[in-house]
Amino acid sequence: MKKLQLGFTLVEMIMVIVIMGVIGGMVAVFMKSPIDAYLASARRAGMSDTADTALRRMARDLHKALPNSVLNSNSQCLELIPTKTGGRYRASDSNSLVFGSPVTSFNMLGHNISFAGSPLPADQQIQANDLIAVSNLGFDVGNAYTGGNTAVVSSVADGSESTIIMGSKTFPLALASPSNRFQVIPANENVVAFVCSGGNLYRSVRTFNAATCPATGAVLAKDVSSCNFVYAGSDLQRNGLVQLTLQLSNSGETVSLYQEVHVDNTP
């Protein structure tokens, strides 16, 4: 009895491969556009998220900027003096902050380590080597960049009121604050700069005597194709407006975000 042999020939196998290739090519043509659109959408979403995060970080630092400290030397660089906290100094009675003669300490109204009975985080407390700034006007003796209205904290003593102890400092009479306010500049961040350079947006930290607008530090955004920073101070010296434009490009896709940030310039 003759056995039946089941299978397929080489010609049949080649024909199947050719047909599958044709079908696969046709399917790829129809699927390419949706896939490309999805990938482009994902790139745009990623760049939008990066740009939004960077602008939010810049806005957060600007909201904490020392009054009248925002500098805008060019459209690619924005600098400011950050603050960590502030308070009111005692202007009369014992251990008040005097103007026009040397002073080595003064009492602040309230406590440095707590507020309304709740302890303050360490990064909101005045500590040694922080800087006290009074009446920062942005020019002449009231300019923290030149040190005319700042003093370095040596230590803080806490009692019924907190006493700020510092090296001998003479604050000019013109700096007496009508509202008895002072701000505190952190020791580890004297000046913060946002710089666009080489396709990156940098957030750098420098001391007062270091070079301005350094293109170093933490990278907030990559693939930056354009950025534009504009600061418009108010004639009334009470507030200012910072306009931030950031554009990112990648693989033919481009996103551009714009944000306005109001800064308080009341010293």
C-alpha atoms as a PDB file:
ATOM      1  CA  MET A   1       0.000   0.000   0.000  1.00  0.00           C
ATOM      2  CA  LYS A   2       1.449   3.390  -1.050  1.00  0.00           C
ATOM      3  CA  LYS A   3       1.802   6.041   1.753  1.00  0.00           C
ATOM      4  CA  LEU A   4       0.557   9.616   1.195  1.00  0.00           C
ATOM      5  CA  GLN A   5       3.183  12.346   1.844  1.00  0.00           C
ATOM      6  CA  LEU A   6       1.734  15.690   3.076  1.00  0.00           C
ATOM      7  CA  GLY A   7       3.690  19.030   2.959  1.00  0.00           C
ATOM      8  CA  PHE A   8       4.488  21.981   0.689  1.00  0.00           C
ATOM      9  CA  THR A   9       6.974  22.658  -1.975  1.00  0.00           C
ATOM     10  CA  LEU A  10       9.706  25.305  -2.034  1.00  0.00           C
ATOM     11  CA  VAL A  11       7.774  27.255  -4.658  1.00  0.00           C
ATOM     12  CA  GLU A  12       4.710  27.401  -2.435  1.00  0.00           C
ATOM     13  CA  MET A  13       6.795  28.594   0.518  1.00  0.00           C
ATOM     14  CA  ILE A  14       8.364  31.363  -1.592  1.00  0.00           C
ATOM     15  CA  MET A  15       4.949  32.459  -2.810  1.00  0.00           C
ATOM     16  CA  VAL A  16       3.647  32.697   0.755  1.00  0.00           C
ATOM     17  CA  ILE A  17       6.677  34.778   1.796  1.00  0.00           C
ATOM     18  CA  VAL A  18       6.189  37.147  -1.133  1.00  0.00           C
ATOM     19  CA  ILE A  19       2.469  37.549  -0.406  1.00  0.00           C
ATOM     20  CA  MET A  20       3.140  38.180   3.300  1.00  0.00           C
ATOM     21  CA  GLY A  21       5.769  40.776   2.360  1.00  0.00           C
ATOM     22  CA  VAL A  22       3.335  42.584   0.087  1.00  0.00           C
ATOM     23  CA  ILE A  23       0.629  42.570   2.770  1.00  0.00           C
ATOM     24  CA  GLY A  24       3.125  43.722   5.421  1.00  0.00           C
ATOM     25  CA  GLY A  25       4.319  46.574   3.206  1.00  0.00           C
ATOM     26  CA  MET A  26       0.746  47.729   2.596  1.00  0.00           C
ATOM     27  CA  VAL A  27      -0.032  47.616   6.334  1.00  0.00           C
ATOM     28  CA  ALA A  28       3.177  49.543   7.128  1.00  0.00           C
ATOM     29  CA  VAL A  29       2.200  52.315   4.713  1.00  0.00           C
ATOM     30  CA  PHE A  30      -1.148  52.795   6.445  1.00  0.00           C
ATOM     31  CA  MET A  31       0.343  52.565   9.974  1.00  0.00           C
ATOM     32  CA  LYS A  32       3.366  54.840   9.430  1.00  0.00           C
ATOM     33  CA  SER A  33       1.473  58.120   9.638  1.00  0.00           C
ATOM     34  CA  PRO A  34      -0.390  57.333  12.899  1.00  0.00           C
ATOM     35  CA  ILE A  35       2.812  56.031  14.508  1.00  0.00           C
ATOM     36  CA  ASP A  36       4.783  59.097  13.395  1.00  0.00           C
ATOM     37  CA  ALA A  37       2.020  61.337  14.703  1.00  0.00           C
ATOM     38  CA  TYR A  38       2.054  59.527  18.045  1.00  0.00           C
ATOM     39  CA  LEU A  39       5.840  59.826  18.374  1.00  0.00           C
ATOM     40  CA  ALA A  40       5.721  63.528  17.417  1.00  0.00           C
ATOM     41  CA  SER A  41       2.972  64.124  19.972  1.00  0.00           C
ATOM     42  CA  ALA A  42       5.038  62.355  22.643  1.00  0.00           C
ATOM     43  CA  ARG A  43       8.076  64.536  21.820  1.00  0.00           C
ATOM     44  CA  ARG A  44       5.988  67.712  21.989  1.00  0.00           C
ATOM     45  CA  ALA A  45       4.452  66.648  25.296  1.00  0.00           C
ATOM     46  CA  GLY A  46       7.895  65.881  26.723  1.00  0.00           C
ATOM     47  CA  MET A  47       9.333  69.218  25.600  1.00  0.00           C
ATOM     48  CA  SER A  48       6.273  71.091  26.895  1.00  0.00           C
ATOM     49  CA  ASP A  49       6.636  69.410  30.274  1.00  0.00           C
ATOM     50  CA  THR A  50      10.358  70.242  30.404  1.00  0.00           C
ATOM     51  CA  ALA A  51       9.779  73.892  29.460  1.00  0.00           C
ATOM     52  CA  ASP A  52       6.879  74.251  31.911  1.00  0.00           C
ATOM     53  CA  THR A  53       8.914  72.761  34.762  1.00  0.00           C
ATOM     54  CA  ALA A  54      11.844  75.084  34.011  1.00  0.00           C
ATOM     55  CA  LEU A  55       9.630  78.186  33.917  1.00  0.00           C
ATOM     56  CA  ARG A  56       7.905  77.175  37.137  1.00  0.00           C
ATOM     57  CA  ARG A  57      11.302  76.826  38.835  1.00  0.00           C
ATOM     58  CA  MET A  58      12.327  80.262  37.589  1.00  0.00           C
ATOM     59  CA  ALA A  59       9.037  81.760  38.810  1.00  0.00           C
ATOM     60  CA  ARG A  60       9.484  80.196  42.248  1.00  0.00           C
ATOM     61  CA  ASP A  61      12.933  81.756  42.625  1.00  0.00           C
ATOM     62  CA  LEU A  62      11.691  85.118  41.350  1.00  0.00           C
ATOM     63  CA  HIS A  63       8.901  85.164  43.941  1.00  0.00           C
ATOM     64  CA  LYS A  64      11.561  84.802  46.665  1.00  0.00           C
ATOM     65  CA  ALA A  65      13.897  87.423  45.176  1.00  0.00           C
ATOM     66  CA  LEU A  66      15.182  90.265  47.330  1.00  0.00           C
ATOM     67  CA  PRO A  67      13.303  93.457  46.370  1.00  0.00           C
ATOM     68  CA  ASN A  68      15.022  95.397  43.562  1.00  0.00           C
ATOM     69  CA  SER A  69      17.602  92.642  43.029  1.00  0.00           C
ATOM     70  CA  VAL A  70      16.538  91.278  39.610  1.00  0.00           C
ATOM     71  CA  LEU A  71      19.158  92.014  36.944  1.00  0.00           C
ATOM     72  CA  ASN A  72      18.675  91.502  33.213  1.00  0.00           C
ATOM     73  CA  SER A  73      22.013  92.309  31.548  1.00  0.00           C
ATOM     74  CA  ASN A  74      20.919  90.600  28.313  1.00  0.00           C
ATOM     75  CA  SER A  75      18.034  88.548  26.954  1.00  0.00           C
ATOM     76  CA  GLN A  76      19.871  85.270  27.661  1.00  0.00           C
ATOM     77  CA  CYS A  77      20.588  85.914  31.341  1.00  0.00           C
ATOM     78  CA  LEU A  78      18.500  86.738  34.397  1.00  0.00           C
ATOM     79  CA  GLU A  79      20.043  87.170  37.849  1.00  0.00           C
ATOM     80  CA  LEU A  80      18.552  87.721  41.296  1.00  0.00           C
ATOM     81  CA  ILE A  81      19.404  87.619  44.984  1.00  0.00           C
ATOM     82  CA  PRO A  82      17.307  84.924  46.710  1.00  0.00           C
ATOM     83  CA  THR A  83      15.925  85.190  50.233  1.00  0.00           C
ATOM     84  CA  LYS A  84      15.161  82.403  52.664  1.00  0.00           C
ATOM     85  CA  THR A  85      13.103  84.357  55.216  1.00  0.00           C
ATOM     86  CA  GLY A  86      12.623  87.816  56.658  1.00  0.00           C
ATOM     87  CA  GLY A  87      11.208  89.679  59.619  1.00  0.00           C
ATOM     88  CA  ARG A  88      10.922  92.979  61.450  1.00  0.00           C
ATOM     89  CA  TYR A  89      13.659  94.467  63.564  1.00  0.00           C
ATOM     90  CA  ARG A  90      13.143  96.258  66.866  1.00  0.00           C
ATOM     91  CA  ALA A  91      13.482  99.964  66.152  1.00  0.00           C
ATOM     92  CA  SER A  92      13.281 101.285  69.719  1.00  0.00           C
ATOM     93  CA  ASP A  93      13.876 100.188  73.312  1.00  0.00           C
ATOM     94  CA  SER A  94      16.743  97.849  74.147  1.00  0.00           C
ATOM     95  CA  ASN A  95      18.967  96.249  71.517  1.00  0.00           C
ATOM     96  CA  SER A  96      17.232  97.908  68.571  1.00  0.00           C
ATOM     97  CA  LEU A  97      18.757  98.181  65.101  1.00  0.00           C
ATOM     98  CA  VAL A  98      20.383 101.617  64.919  1.00  0.00           C
ATOM     99  CA  PHE A  99      21.370 103.506  61.800  1.00  0.00           C
ATOM    100  CA  GLY A 100      24.267 105.898  61.339  1.00  0.00           C
ATOM    101  CA  SER A 101      26.521 104.279  63.961  1.00  0.00           C
ATOM    102  CA  PRO A 102      28.165 100.840  64.387  1.00  0.00           C
ATOM    103  CA  VAL A 103      25.915  98.016  65.548  1.00  0.00           C
ATOM    104  CA  THR A 104      26.817  94.399  66.360  1.00  0.00           C
ATOM    105  CA  SER A 105      23.400  92.944  67.206  1.00  0.00           C
ATOM    106  CA  PHE A 106      19.679  93.666  67.219  1.00  0.00           C
ATOM    107  CA  ASN A 107      16.478  91.998  68.291  1.00  0.00           C
ATOM    108  CA  MET A 108      13.925  90.782  65.806  1.00  0.00           C
ATOM    109  CA  LEU A 109      10.237  90.819  66.677  1.00  0.00           C
ATOM    110  CA  GLY A 110       9.351  87.207  67.284  1.00  0.00           C
ATOM    111  CA  HIS A 111      11.386  84.021  67.253  1.00  0.00           C
ATOM    112  CA  ASN A 112      13.792  82.676  64.696  1.00  0.00           C
ATOM    113  CA  ILE A 113      13.110  79.001  65.316  1.00  0.00           C
ATOM    114  CA  SER A 114       9.301  79.017  65.581  1.00  0.00           C
ATOM    115  CA  PHE A 115       6.206  80.836  64.384  1.00  0.00           C
ATOM    116  CA  ALA A 116       2.869  80.852  66.209  1.00  0.00           C
ATOM    117  CA  GLY A 117       4.157  78.070  68.436  1.00  0.00           C
ATOM    118  CA  SER A 118       5.159  75.764  65.570  1.00  0.00           C
ATOM    119  CA  PRO A 119       8.837  75.074  64.818  1.00  0.00           C
ATOM    120  CA  LEU A 120      10.161  76.448  61.537  1.00  0.00           C
ATOM    121  CA  PRO A 121      12.050  74.215  59.076  1.00  0.00           C
ATOM    122  CA  ALA A 122      15.826  74.605  59.223  1.00  0.00           C
ATOM    123  CA  ASP A 123      15.948  76.183  55.763  1.00  0.00           C
ATOM    124  CA  GLN A 124      13.675  78.992  57.003  1.00  0.00           C
ATOM    125  CA  GLN A 125      15.740  79.787  60.089  1.00  0.00           C
ATOM    126  CA  ILE A 126      18.428  82.459  60.252  1.00  0.00           C
ATOM    127  CA  GLN A 127      21.802  80.768  60.665  1.00  0.00           C
ATOM    128  CA  ALA A 128      25.459  81.714  60.897  1.00  0.00           C
ATOM    129  CA  ASN A 129      26.967  83.138  57.681  1.00  0.00           C
ATOM    130  CA  ASP A 130      23.582  84.177  56.312  1.00  0.00           C
ATOM    131  CA  LEU A 131      23.333  87.823  55.293  1.00  0.00           C
ATOM    132  CA  ILE A 132      20.946  90.409  56.717  1.00  0.00           C
ATOM    133  CA  ALA A 133      19.738  92.918  54.098  1.00  0.00           C
ATOM    134  CA  VAL A 134      17.944  96.162  54.984  1.00  0.00           C
ATOM    135  CA  SER A 135      16.119  98.455  52.529  1.00  0.00           C
ATOM    136  CA  ASN A 136      17.459  97.068  49.285  1.00  0.00           C
ATOM    137  CA  LEU A 137      16.777  99.887  46.814  1.00  0.00           C
ATOM    138  CA  GLY A 138      19.000  98.533  44.066  1.00  0.00           C
ATOM    139  CA  PHE A 139      21.344 101.534  43.913  1.00  0.00           C
ATOM    140  CA  ASP A 140      23.878 103.552  45.929  1.00  0.00           C
ATOM    141  CA  VAL A 141      24.205 102.399  49.574  1.00  0.00           C
ATOM    142  CA  GLY A 142      21.007 100.366  49.301  1.00  0.00           C
ATOM    143  CA  ASN A 143      22.503  97.778  46.945  1.00  0.00           C
ATOM    144  CA  ALA A 144      23.067  94.257  48.226  1.00  0.00           C
ATOM    145  CA  TYR A 145      25.301  93.442  45.252  1.00  0.00           C
ATOM    146  CA  THR A 146      27.892  95.912  46.586  1.00  0.00           C
ATOM    147  CA  GLY A 147      27.291  95.122  50.276  1.00  0.00           C
ATOM    148  CA  GLY A 148      26.246  98.607  51.363  1.00  0.00           C
ATOM    149  CA  ASN A 149      23.141  97.353  53.162  1.00  0.00           C
ATOM    150  CA  THR A 150      24.110  93.817  54.208  1.00  0.00           C
ATOM    151  CA  ALA A 151      25.801  92.272  57.235  1.00  0.00           C
ATOM    152  CA  VAL A 152      26.994  88.709  57.890  1.00  0.00           C
ATOM    153  CA  VAL A 153      25.284  86.856  60.742  1.00  0.00           C
ATOM    154  CA  SER A 154      27.644  85.432  63.366  1.00  0.00           C
ATOM    155  CA  SER A 155      25.009  83.650  65.444  1.00  0.00           C
ATOM    156  CA  VAL A 156      21.420  83.852  66.681  1.00  0.00           C
ATOM    157  CA  ALA A 157      20.445  83.841  70.363  1.00  0.00           C
ATOM    158  CA  ASP A 158      16.875  82.875  71.217  1.00  0.00           C
ATOM    159  CA  GLY A 159      15.107  84.208  74.290  1.00  0.00           C
ATOM    160  CA  SER A 160      11.856  86.101  74.688  1.00  0.00           C
ATOM    161  CA  GLU A 161      12.926  87.544  71.310  1.00  0.00           C
ATOM    162  CA  SER A 162      15.604  86.325  68.921  1.00  0.00           C
ATOM    163  CA  THR A 163      18.814  88.355  68.878  1.00  0.00           C
ATOM    164  CA  ILE A 164      20.744  88.564  65.605  1.00  0.00           C
ATOM    165  CA  ILE A 165      24.473  88.827  66.312  1.00  0.00           C
ATOM    166  CA  MET A 166      26.793  90.006  63.532  1.00  0.00           C
ATOM    167  CA  GLY A 167      30.087  91.698  62.868  1.00  0.00           C
ATOM    168  CA  SER A 168      30.269  95.447  63.419  1.00  0.00           C
ATOM    169  CA  LYS A 169      28.248  97.204  60.738  1.00  0.00           C
ATOM    170  CA  THR A 170      27.169 100.789  60.172  1.00  0.00           C
ATOM    171  CA  PHE A 171      23.931 101.038  58.244  1.00  0.00           C
ATOM    172  CA  PRO A 172      23.503 104.510  56.681  1.00  0.00           C
ATOM    173  CA  LEU A 173      20.663 106.638  58.042  1.00  0.00           C
ATOM    174  CA  ALA A 174      19.000 106.611  54.639  1.00  0.00           C
ATOM    175  CA  LEU A 175      18.383 102.864  54.950  1.00  0.00           C
ATOM    176  CA  ALA A 176      15.998 102.991  57.900  1.00  0.00           C
ATOM    177  CA  SER A 177      12.966 101.005  56.774  1.00  0.00           C
ATOM    178  CA  PRO A 178       9.561 102.687  57.301  1.00  0.00           C
ATOM    179  CA  SER A 179       8.112  99.280  58.174  1.00  0.00           C
ATOM    180  CA  ASN A 180      11.223  98.031  60.060  1.00  0.00           C
ATOM    181  CA  ARG A 181      11.669  95.125  57.662  1.00  0.00           C
ATOM    182  CA  PHE A 182      14.737  93.055  56.875  1.00  0.00           C
ATOM    183  CA  GLN A 183      15.382  90.085  54.596  1.00  0.00           C
ATOM    184  CA  VAL A 184      17.774  87.166  54.921  1.00  0.00           C
ATOM    185  CA  ILE A 185      20.026  86.032  52.073  1.00  0.00           C
ATOM    186  CA  PRO A 186      21.144  82.379  52.406  1.00  0.00           C
ATOM    187  CA  ALA A 187      24.861  81.825  52.889  1.00  0.00           C
ATOM    188  CA  ASN A 188      25.081  79.142  50.203  1.00  0.00           C
ATOM    189  CA  GLU A 189      23.167  81.099  47.548  1.00  0.00           C
ATOM    190  CA  ASN A 190      24.194  84.745  47.291  1.00  0.00           C
ATOM    191  CA  VAL A 191      23.167  85.177  43.653  1.00  0.00           C
ATOM    192  CA  VAL A 192      21.114  82.869  41.418  1.00  0.00           C
ATOM    193  CA  ALA A 193      21.481  83.158  37.632  1.00  0.00           C
ATOM    194  CA  PHE A 194      19.442  81.623  34.821  1.00  0.00           C
ATOM    195  CA  VAL A 195      21.524  81.462  31.653  1.00  0.00           C
ATOM    196  CA  CYS A 196      20.749  80.126  28.165  1.00  0.00           C
ATOM    197  CA  SER A 197      23.907  78.855  26.452  1.00  0.00           C
ATOM    198  CA  GLY A 198      24.820  76.071  24.034  1.00  0.00           C
ATOM    199  CA  GLY A 199      21.287  74.686  23.778  1.00  0.00           C
ATOM    200  CA  ASN A 200      20.858  74.413  27.573  1.00  0.00           C
ATOM    201  CA  LEU A 201      19.150  76.466  30.263  1.00  0.00           C
ATOM    202  CA  TYR A 202      21.337  76.600  33.372  1.00  0.00           C
ATOM    203  CA  ARG A 203      20.553  77.545  36.961  1.00  0.00           C
ATOM    204  CA  SER A 204      23.809  78.593  38.567  1.00  0.00           C
ATOM    205  CA  VAL A 205      24.732  79.915  41.993  1.00  0.00           C
ATOM    206  CA  ARG A 206      27.535  82.408  42.586  1.00  0.00           C
ATOM    207  CA  THR A 207      28.960  84.728  45.221  1.00  0.00           C
ATOM    208  CA  PHE A 208      28.688  88.490  44.935  1.00  0.00           C
ATOM    209  CA  ASN A 209      32.275  88.918  43.734  1.00  0.00           C
ATOM    210  CA  ALA A 210      32.179  86.112  41.121  1.00  0.00           C
ATOM    211  CA  ALA A 211      31.704  86.606  37.380  1.00  0.00           C
ATOM    212  CA  THR A 212      28.173  87.397  36.286  1.00  0.00           C
ATOM    213  CA  CYS A 213      25.964  85.083  34.196  1.00  0.00           C
ATOM    214  CA  PRO A 214      28.071  81.889  34.368  1.00  0.00           C
ATOM    215  CA  ALA A 215      26.967  79.160  31.935  1.00  0.00           C
ATOM    216  CA  THR A 216      27.447  76.422  34.540  1.00  0.00           C
ATOM    217  CA  GLY A 217      25.454  74.641  37.205  1.00  0.00           C
ATOM    218  CA  ALA A 218      22.296  72.561  37.084  1.00  0.00           C
ATOM    219  CA  VAL A 219      20.676  72.076  33.673  1.00  0.00           C
ATOM    220  CA  LEU A 220      16.965  72.933  33.852  1.00  0.00           C
ATOM    221  CA  ALA A 221      16.245  72.242  30.171  1.00  0.00           C
ATOM    222  CA  LYS A 222      18.012  70.784  27.129  1.00  0.00           C
ATOM    223  CA  ASP A 223      17.348  71.254  23.389  1.00  0.00           C
ATOM    224  CA  VAL A 224      16.795  74.988  23.965  1.00  0.00           C
ATOM    225  CA  SER A 225      16.642  76.664  20.557  1.00  0.00           C
ATOM    226  CA  SER A 226      15.684  80.120  21.803  1.00  0.00           C
ATOM    227  CA  CYS A 227      15.040  81.980  25.034  1.00  0.00           C
ATOM    228  CA  ASN A 228      14.241  85.561  25.900  1.00  0.00           C
ATOM    229  CA  PHE A 229      14.188  87.116  29.367  1.00  0.00           C
ATOM    230  CA  VAL A 230      12.867  90.655  29.846  1.00  0.00           C
ATOM    231  CA  TYR A 231      12.630  92.518  33.157  1.00  0.00           C
ATOM    232  CA  ALA A 232      10.567  95.692  33.406  1.00  0.00           C
ATOM    233  CA  GLY A 233      10.951  97.440  36.754  1.00  0.00           C
ATOM    234  CA  SER A 234       8.216  99.745  37.953  1.00  0.00           C
ATOM    235  CA  ASP A 235       8.716 103.499  38.141  1.00  0.00           C
ATOM    236  CA  LEU A 236       6.979 103.343  41.506  1.00  0.00           C
ATOM    237  CA  GLN A 237       9.582 100.841  42.763  1.00  0.00           C
ATOM    238  CA  ARG A 238       6.814  98.727  44.307  1.00  0.00           C
ATOM    239  CA  ASN A 239       6.670  95.869  41.826  1.00  0.00           C
ATOM    240  CA  GLY A 240       8.167  94.660  38.590  1.00  0.00           C
ATOM    241  CA  LEU A 241       7.318  92.321  35.739  1.00  0.00           C
ATOM    242  CA  VAL A 242       9.531  89.559  34.363  1.00  0.00           C
ATOM    243  CA  GLN A 243       8.638  88.099  30.967  1.00  0.00           C
ATOM    244  CA  LEU A 244      10.008  84.620  30.243  1.00  0.00           C
ATOM    245  CA  THR A 245       9.977  82.966  26.807  1.00  0.00           C
ATOM    246  CA  LEU A 246      11.483  79.513  26.329  1.00  0.00           C
ATOM    247  CA  GLN A 247      11.550  77.545  23.061  1.00  0.00           C
ATOM    248  CA  LEU A 248      12.647  73.905  22.725  1.00  0.00           C
ATOM    249  CA  SER A 249      13.241  71.970  19.487  1.00  0.00           C
ATOM    250  CA  ASN A 250      13.854  68.269  18.877  1.00  0.00           C
ATOM    251  CA  SER A 251      13.591  66.112  15.723  1.00  0.00           C
ATOM    252  CA  GLY A 252      11.713  68.758  13.792  1.00  0.00           C
ATOM    253  CA  GLU A 253       9.247  69.463  16.612  1.00  0.00           C
ATOM    254  CA  THR A 254       9.210  72.852  18.385  1.00  0.00           C
ATOM    255  CA  VAL A 255       7.328  74.120  21.429  1.00  0.00           C
ATOM    256  CA  SER A 256       7.390  77.656  22.805  1.00  0.00           C
ATOM    257  CA  LEU A 257       6.127  78.699  26.255  1.00  0.00           C
ATOM    258  CA  TYR A 258       5.635  82.213  27.633  1.00  0.00           C
ATOM    259  CA  GLN A 259       5.124  83.215  31.250  1.00  0.00           C
ATOM    260  CA  GLU A 260       4.890  86.488  33.175  1.00  0.00           C
ATOM    261  CA  VAL A 261       6.057  86.733  36.784  1.00  0.00           C
ATOM    262  CA  HIS A 262       5.333  89.672  39.072  1.00  0.00           C
ATOM    263  CA  VAL A 263       8.023  90.474  41.655  1.00  0.00           C
ATOM    264  CA  ASP A 264       7.580  92.528  44.821  1.00  0.00           C
ATOM    265  CA  ASN A 265      10.027  95.431  44.979  1.00  0.00           C
ATOM    266  CA  THR A 266       8.840  96.964  48.231  1.00  0.00           C
ATOM    267  CA  PRO A 267      12.002  97.023  50.423  1.00  0.00           C
END
